[in-house]
Amino acid sequence: MKSKPVTLSDIAKILNVSTVTVSKALRNHPDISPETTKKVKKLAEELEYTPNLIARSLSARRSNTIGVVVPKIAHFFFSSIIETIYKIGMEHNYEIILTVSQENAELERKHINTLLAMKVDGIIISITQQTNKYDIFETVSKRNVPIVFIDRVPFLDNINSVTIDDRGGAFKAVEHAIKLGYKKIAHFAGYTNINIGKERLQGFKDAMEKYGLEINPDWVIEGGFGEEFGYNAFMKLYENKNLPEFIFTVTFPVALGVYSAVKELGLRIPDDVDLICFGNAKIQEFLCPPLSCIDQPTTLLSQHAMEILFENINNQDEFKPKQIIIDTNLILRGTCNRSHN
């Protein structure tokens, strides 16, 4: 038979204090003496008391929870962001509720509705590659729940967003390849209905145009942000006997797909084809050859997102939406890093 969960009232009766005192002591409120706080916390631990966050959110104006929605977690970029968000949340006494949309727009919508039902104080989200309807974000706004979009953002006005300089970073990567002497350059793009796909494609085009290089439409392939796309795109060009000298991929997983295809075909990087990707992961150093990239400062991105969210939560009446764009760095390793004849 299940035992009933311990409540604030149970602790209060044993210690002969009010439930308000117990509640405040558990939250380290300055009104409560250190001695009482210590007693309350000791007993709460002994009785295995677990706070009822939903009940707290109904009785208080805040739940001290933040909802996070990301497309994937098996991805260095997003896992790094989540880790920093958790760390900052803990420092501010906030619980983080993580949801994963798995690149599915309907699942993303379901997660947002669940987070709203849980009365989260705010939401941080990176939208899916499928997301093209924005009414759910209007619902969030009508409920007065602050929301910050990171990395992948909808094409909406007056939103909080923290993004990378995708266009500038892509330009930086392709310009470096051109300066090495590459002319036959391909771009394995994402989807242009998503800001990162659109902006990185534009950065590629900017560099090619600046240096007077022709863009071969067969070498600009749209198809997503994952490994499977990179693998399939490379195989398609190989089967058509139409390989470029150099490939700029929209993400690291797409580049990983290229590595897989190249290895399977018995080709070599950078001798048969060279490449660079947008996005940095520690594992890139251990690839053969190590992969050069455009680095996205994930810690900085997460910090800015949390700062904006807290500011929005604490000052809703006077808060004005903020858009922050973070610069990128070119990191050279074993690819895209030699003189080309």
Protein backbone atom coordinates (compact mmCIF):
# COMPACT_ATOMS: atom_id res chain seq x y z
CA MET A 1 0.00 0.00 0.00
CA LYS A 2 1.33 3.40 -1.02
CA SER A 3 2.07 5.90 1.74
CA LYS A 4 0.71 9.42 1.33
CA PRO A 5 3.30 12.03 0.32
CA VAL A 6 4.62 14.27 3.07
CA THR A 7 3.18 17.80 2.97
CA LEU A 8 4.27 21.18 4.30
CA SER A 9 1.54 20.85 6.95
CA ASP A 10 3.05 17.58 8.21
CA ILE A 11 6.43 19.25 8.72
CA ALA A 12 4.81 22.31 10.31
CA LYS A 13 2.85 20.18 12.86
CA ILE A 14 5.94 18.25 13.95
CA LEU A 15 7.98 21.43 14.44
CA ASN A 16 5.01 23.41 15.83
CA VAL A 17 5.41 26.24 13.31
CA SER A 18 3.19 27.57 10.51
CA THR A 19 3.17 26.13 6.98
CA VAL A 20 4.27 29.58 5.75
CA THR A 21 7.38 29.32 7.93
CA VAL A 22 8.16 25.89 6.51
CA SER A 23 7.63 27.09 2.95
CA LYS A 24 9.87 30.11 3.45
CA ALA A 25 12.58 28.07 5.20
CA LEU A 26 12.75 25.61 2.31
CA ARG A 27 13.26 28.56 -0.05
CA ASN A 28 15.98 30.14 2.15
CA HIS A 29 13.81 33.22 2.77
CA PRO A 30 15.59 35.93 4.82
CA ASP A 31 12.55 36.26 7.14
CA ILE A 32 13.36 32.87 8.69
CA SER A 33 16.26 32.43 11.10
CA PRO A 34 19.17 30.19 10.05
CA GLU A 35 18.42 27.90 13.01
CA THR A 36 14.77 27.35 11.98
CA THR A 37 15.75 26.94 8.33
CA LYS A 38 18.25 24.25 9.32
CA LYS A 39 15.64 22.37 11.42
CA VAL A 40 13.02 22.51 8.64
CA LYS A 41 15.44 21.30 5.96
CA LYS A 42 16.75 18.50 8.18
CA LEU A 43 13.25 17.19 8.90
CA ALA A 44 12.17 17.59 5.26
CA GLU A 45 15.13 15.45 4.22
CA GLU A 46 14.41 12.80 6.88
CA LEU A 47 10.75 12.58 5.82
CA GLU A 48 11.76 12.56 2.11
CA TYR A 49 9.58 15.60 1.42
CA THR A 50 9.19 16.47 -2.28
CA PRO A 51 7.78 19.90 -3.20
CA ASN A 52 4.62 19.94 -5.31
CA LEU A 53 5.71 22.29 -8.07
CA ILE A 54 2.30 22.35 -9.77
CA ALA A 55 0.52 23.24 -6.53
CA ARG A 56 3.14 25.90 -5.87
CA SER A 57 2.65 27.40 -9.33
CA LEU A 58 -1.12 27.56 -8.79
CA SER A 59 -0.81 29.35 -5.46
CA ALA A 60 2.08 31.61 -6.42
CA ARG A 61 2.65 33.90 -9.37
CA ARG A 62 5.67 31.86 -10.41
CA SER A 63 6.55 28.20 -10.72
CA ASN A 64 10.34 28.73 -10.91
CA THR A 65 10.40 26.48 -13.96
CA ILE A 66 11.61 27.16 -17.48
CA GLY A 67 10.60 25.04 -20.45
CA VAL A 68 13.13 24.20 -23.16
CA VAL A 69 12.26 22.80 -26.60
CA VAL A 70 15.06 21.62 -28.90
CA PRO A 71 14.97 19.58 -32.13
CA LYS A 72 17.56 17.03 -30.97
CA ILE A 73 19.83 16.24 -28.04
CA ALA A 74 22.15 13.75 -29.78
CA HIS A 75 23.87 16.75 -31.31
CA PHE A 76 26.85 18.59 -29.79
CA PHE A 77 25.39 22.03 -30.51
CA PHE A 78 22.12 21.43 -28.66
CA SER A 79 23.57 19.29 -25.85
CA SER A 80 26.09 22.05 -25.14
CA ILE A 81 23.32 24.67 -25.05
CA ILE A 82 21.17 22.54 -22.72
CA GLU A 83 24.08 22.02 -20.32
CA THR A 84 24.65 25.78 -19.97
CA ILE A 85 20.92 26.47 -19.56
CA TYR A 86 20.74 23.89 -16.75
CA LYS A 87 23.78 25.42 -15.04
CA ILE A 88 22.39 28.97 -15.17
CA GLY A 89 18.93 27.76 -14.15
CA MET A 90 20.36 26.06 -11.07
CA GLU A 91 22.25 29.22 -10.10
CA HIS A 92 18.95 31.14 -10.19
CA ASN A 93 16.95 28.45 -8.35
CA TYR A 94 15.02 27.47 -11.49
CA GLU A 95 14.09 23.97 -12.60
CA ILE A 96 14.54 23.25 -16.31
CA ILE A 97 11.92 21.12 -18.07
CA LEU A 98 13.50 19.72 -21.24
CA THR A 99 11.47 18.55 -24.24
CA VAL A 100 12.74 17.27 -27.61
CA SER A 101 10.72 17.84 -30.80
CA GLN A 102 12.71 15.33 -32.91
CA GLU A 103 12.41 17.73 -35.90
CA ASN A 104 8.62 17.20 -35.83
CA ALA A 105 6.46 20.35 -35.93
CA GLU A 106 3.41 18.62 -34.42
CA LEU A 107 5.45 17.24 -31.53
CA GLU A 108 6.90 20.71 -31.01
CA ARG A 109 3.36 22.13 -30.75
CA LYS A 110 2.39 19.39 -28.27
CA HIS A 111 5.45 20.12 -26.09
CA ILE A 112 4.68 23.85 -26.01
CA ASN A 113 1.08 23.19 -24.97
CA THR A 114 2.31 20.83 -22.23
CA LEU A 115 4.75 23.46 -20.94
CA LEU A 116 1.98 26.08 -20.88
CA ALA A 117 -0.24 23.65 -18.93
CA MET A 118 2.62 23.18 -16.45
CA LYS A 119 2.63 26.96 -15.89
CA VAL A 120 6.29 27.48 -16.76
CA ASP A 121 7.58 31.00 -16.21
CA GLY A 122 9.21 31.13 -19.63
CA ILE A 123 10.25 29.10 -22.68
CA ILE A 124 13.47 28.79 -24.67
CA ILE A 125 13.05 27.15 -28.05
CA SER A 126 14.89 26.24 -31.24
CA ILE A 127 12.27 25.41 -33.85
CA THR A 128 12.15 22.29 -36.04
CA GLN A 129 13.13 22.13 -39.69
CA GLN A 130 9.41 21.53 -40.44
CA THR A 131 8.02 24.54 -38.56
CA ASN A 132 6.19 26.88 -40.91
CA LYS A 133 3.03 27.68 -38.92
CA TYR A 134 3.46 30.17 -36.11
CA ASP A 135 0.05 30.32 -34.41
CA ILE A 136 1.30 28.35 -31.39
CA PHE A 137 3.80 31.15 -30.67
CA GLU A 138 0.93 33.66 -30.77
CA THR A 139 -0.83 31.49 -28.15
CA VAL A 140 2.28 31.67 -25.94
CA SER A 141 2.34 35.46 -26.34
CA LYS A 142 -1.39 35.78 -25.46
CA ARG A 143 -0.76 33.78 -22.27
CA ASN A 144 1.94 36.34 -21.36
CA VAL A 145 4.61 33.64 -21.12
CA PRO A 146 8.00 35.07 -22.16
CA ILE A 147 9.67 33.11 -24.97
CA VAL A 148 13.20 33.32 -26.39
CA PHE A 149 14.07 31.75 -29.74
CA ILE A 150 17.62 30.46 -30.16
CA ASP A 151 19.58 29.52 -33.30
CA ARG A 152 16.55 28.54 -35.41
CA VAL A 153 13.91 31.24 -35.22
CA PRO A 154 10.58 31.86 -36.97
CA PHE A 155 10.19 34.70 -39.45
CA LEU A 156 8.24 36.90 -37.03
CA ASP A 157 8.60 40.50 -35.89
CA ASN A 158 9.07 41.68 -32.31
CA ILE A 159 10.39 38.43 -30.84
CA ASN A 160 13.20 37.67 -28.43
CA SER A 161 15.97 35.90 -30.33
CA VAL A 162 19.60 34.93 -29.92
CA THR A 163 21.18 33.79 -33.17
CA ILE A 164 24.56 33.22 -34.72
CA ASP A 165 25.79 35.41 -37.59
CA ASP A 166 24.92 32.63 -40.03
CA ARG A 167 25.39 34.65 -43.19
CA GLY A 168 28.70 36.14 -42.08
CA GLY A 169 30.00 32.81 -40.82
CA ALA A 170 29.15 31.04 -44.07
CA PHE A 171 30.84 33.81 -46.04
CA LYS A 172 33.94 33.44 -43.85
CA ALA A 173 34.15 29.69 -44.53
CA VAL A 174 33.66 29.88 -48.29
CA GLU A 175 35.96 32.88 -48.67
CA HIS A 176 38.74 30.93 -46.94
CA ALA A 177 38.27 28.02 -49.35
CA ILE A 178 38.37 30.38 -52.34
CA LYS A 179 41.59 31.96 -51.06
CA LEU A 180 43.12 28.47 -50.94
CA GLY A 181 42.43 28.25 -54.68
CA TYR A 182 39.20 26.25 -54.80
CA LYS A 183 36.77 27.24 -57.56
CA LYS A 184 34.40 24.26 -57.92
CA ILE A 185 32.55 24.67 -54.64
CA ALA A 186 29.33 22.95 -53.53
CA HIS A 187 26.98 23.78 -50.68
CA PHE A 188 25.00 21.06 -48.93
CA ALA A 189 22.28 23.35 -47.60
CA GLY A 190 19.57 22.86 -45.00
CA TYR A 191 16.07 24.09 -45.72
CA THR A 192 15.52 27.71 -46.70
CA ASN A 193 12.20 27.88 -44.79
CA ILE A 194 14.42 27.92 -41.67
CA ASN A 195 16.53 31.00 -40.96
CA ILE A 196 19.85 29.12 -40.58
CA GLY A 197 19.38 27.38 -43.94
CA LYS A 198 18.43 30.61 -45.67
CA GLU A 199 21.20 32.73 -44.14
CA ARG A 200 24.01 30.18 -44.62
CA LEU A 201 23.03 29.70 -48.26
CA GLN A 202 23.11 33.47 -48.72
CA GLY A 203 26.58 33.67 -47.14
CA PHE A 204 27.78 31.00 -49.59
CA LYS A 205 26.33 32.98 -52.51
CA ASP A 206 27.85 36.25 -51.22
CA ALA A 207 31.37 34.77 -51.21
CA MET A 208 31.02 33.16 -54.64
CA GLU A 209 29.70 36.44 -56.08
CA LYS A 210 32.40 38.58 -54.47
CA TYR A 211 35.15 36.48 -56.06
CA GLY A 212 33.39 36.11 -59.41
CA LEU A 213 32.91 32.33 -59.19
CA GLU A 214 30.06 30.61 -60.98
CA ILE A 215 27.55 28.75 -58.82
CA ASN A 216 26.71 25.35 -60.27
CA PRO A 217 23.01 24.73 -59.42
CA ASP A 218 23.69 20.98 -59.26
CA TRP A 219 26.11 21.61 -56.41
CA VAL A 220 23.65 23.53 -54.23
CA ILE A 221 21.56 20.80 -52.65
CA GLU A 222 18.84 21.34 -50.03
CA GLY A 223 17.83 18.47 -47.79
CA GLY A 224 18.11 19.00 -44.05
CA PHE A 225 20.57 19.24 -41.20
CA GLY A 226 21.44 15.60 -40.46
CA GLU A 227 23.97 12.90 -41.41
CA GLU A 228 21.67 11.04 -43.78
CA PHE A 229 21.29 14.12 -45.97
CA GLY A 230 25.08 14.63 -46.18
CA TYR A 231 25.61 10.99 -47.11
CA ASN A 232 22.85 10.96 -49.76
CA ALA A 233 23.87 14.31 -51.30
CA PHE A 234 27.47 13.18 -51.75
CA MET A 235 26.43 9.80 -53.17
CA LYS A 236 24.14 11.54 -55.67
CA LEU A 237 26.98 13.73 -56.98
CA TYR A 238 29.36 10.77 -57.12
CA GLU A 239 26.90 8.59 -59.05
CA ASN A 240 26.36 11.44 -61.53
CA LYS A 241 30.17 11.76 -61.91
CA ASN A 242 29.79 15.37 -60.87
CA LEU A 243 31.98 15.84 -57.78
CA PRO A 244 33.11 19.36 -56.80
CA GLU A 245 36.56 20.13 -55.41
CA PHE A 246 35.16 21.49 -52.17
CA ILE A 247 31.98 21.25 -50.06
CA PHE A 248 30.65 23.66 -47.45
CA THR A 249 28.05 21.89 -45.28
CA VAL A 250 25.26 23.64 -43.39
CA THR A 251 25.95 21.68 -40.15
CA PHE A 252 28.47 19.30 -38.62
CA PRO A 253 26.14 16.24 -38.88
CA VAL A 254 25.83 16.88 -42.64
CA ALA A 255 29.64 16.89 -42.86
CA LEU A 256 29.73 13.64 -40.90
CA GLY A 257 27.47 12.12 -43.55
CA VAL A 258 29.97 13.22 -46.20
CA TYR A 259 32.84 11.58 -44.28
CA SER A 260 30.83 8.35 -44.18
CA ALA A 261 30.14 8.39 -47.93
CA VAL A 262 33.76 9.28 -48.80
CA LYS A 263 35.08 6.39 -46.69
CA GLU A 264 32.58 3.95 -48.21
CA LEU A 265 33.64 4.94 -51.73
CA GLY A 266 37.34 4.58 -50.97
CA LEU A 267 38.02 8.26 -51.56
CA ARG A 268 40.13 10.56 -49.39
CA ILE A 269 39.64 13.93 -47.73
CA PRO A 270 41.10 16.44 -48.60
CA ASP A 271 42.80 14.83 -51.66
CA ASP A 272 39.68 13.84 -53.61
CA VAL A 273 37.32 16.35 -52.06
CA ASP A 274 37.85 18.92 -49.33
CA LEU A 275 35.27 20.38 -46.95
CA ILE A 276 34.37 22.64 -44.06
CA CYS A 277 31.21 22.76 -41.94
CA PHE A 278 29.16 25.24 -39.96
CA GLY A 279 29.23 24.22 -36.30
CA ASN A 280 31.89 22.97 -33.93
CA ALA A 281 32.05 19.76 -31.90
CA LYS A 282 34.93 18.31 -29.87
CA ILE A 283 34.76 15.08 -31.87
CA GLN A 284 35.83 16.96 -35.02
CA GLU A 285 39.40 16.97 -33.71
CA PHE A 286 39.42 13.16 -33.81
CA LEU A 287 38.13 12.68 -37.35
CA CYS A 288 40.59 11.67 -40.04
CA PRO A 289 41.47 14.29 -41.13
CA PRO A 290 40.31 16.64 -38.34
CA LEU A 291 37.46 18.83 -39.62
CA SER A 292 37.74 22.62 -39.97
CA CYS A 293 34.63 24.59 -39.10
CA ILE A 294 32.82 27.78 -38.26
CA ASP A 295 32.54 27.83 -34.48
CA GLN A 296 29.27 28.86 -32.84
CA PRO A 297 29.85 30.06 -29.24
CA THR A 298 27.16 27.91 -27.56
CA THR A 299 27.92 29.10 -24.03
CA LEU A 300 27.52 32.73 -25.04
CA LEU A 301 24.31 31.93 -26.92
CA SER A 302 22.80 30.18 -23.87
CA GLN A 303 23.89 32.94 -21.49
CA HIS A 304 22.28 35.65 -23.63
CA ALA A 305 19.07 33.60 -23.98
CA MET A 306 18.76 33.12 -20.21
CA GLU A 307 19.56 36.79 -19.49
CA ILE A 308 16.83 37.94 -21.88
CA LEU A 309 14.35 35.42 -20.47
CA PHE A 310 14.97 36.44 -16.83
CA GLU A 311 14.75 40.12 -17.77
CA ASN A 312 11.46 39.46 -19.57
CA ILE A 313 10.06 37.40 -16.65
CA ASN A 314 11.01 40.02 -14.07
CA ASN A 315 9.91 43.08 -16.03
CA GLN A 316 7.04 42.03 -18.29
CA ASP A 317 5.21 45.37 -18.34
CA GLU A 318 8.11 47.50 -19.59
CA PHE A 319 10.15 44.86 -21.42
CA LYS A 320 10.90 45.37 -25.12
CA PRO A 321 11.89 42.38 -27.31
CA LYS A 322 15.60 41.90 -27.93
CA GLN A 323 17.44 40.36 -30.87
CA ILE A 324 21.09 39.42 -30.35
CA ILE A 325 23.39 38.19 -33.12
CA ILE A 326 26.65 36.50 -32.07
CA ASP A 327 29.77 36.54 -34.23
CA THR A 328 31.53 33.35 -35.34
CA ASN A 329 35.13 32.13 -35.45
CA LEU A 330 36.92 30.19 -38.19
CA ILE A 331 38.68 27.13 -36.72
CA LEU A 332 41.19 25.46 -39.03
CA ARG A 333 42.18 21.82 -38.57
CA GLY A 334 43.06 19.18 -41.16
CA THR A 335 40.55 20.16 -43.86
CA CYS A 336 40.31 23.44 -45.80
CA ASN A 337 43.81 24.23 -44.61
CA ARG A 338 46.35 23.82 -47.40
CA SER A 339 47.53 25.36 -50.65
CA HIS A 340 45.48 24.03 -53.56
CA ASN A 341 46.87 23.54 -57.04
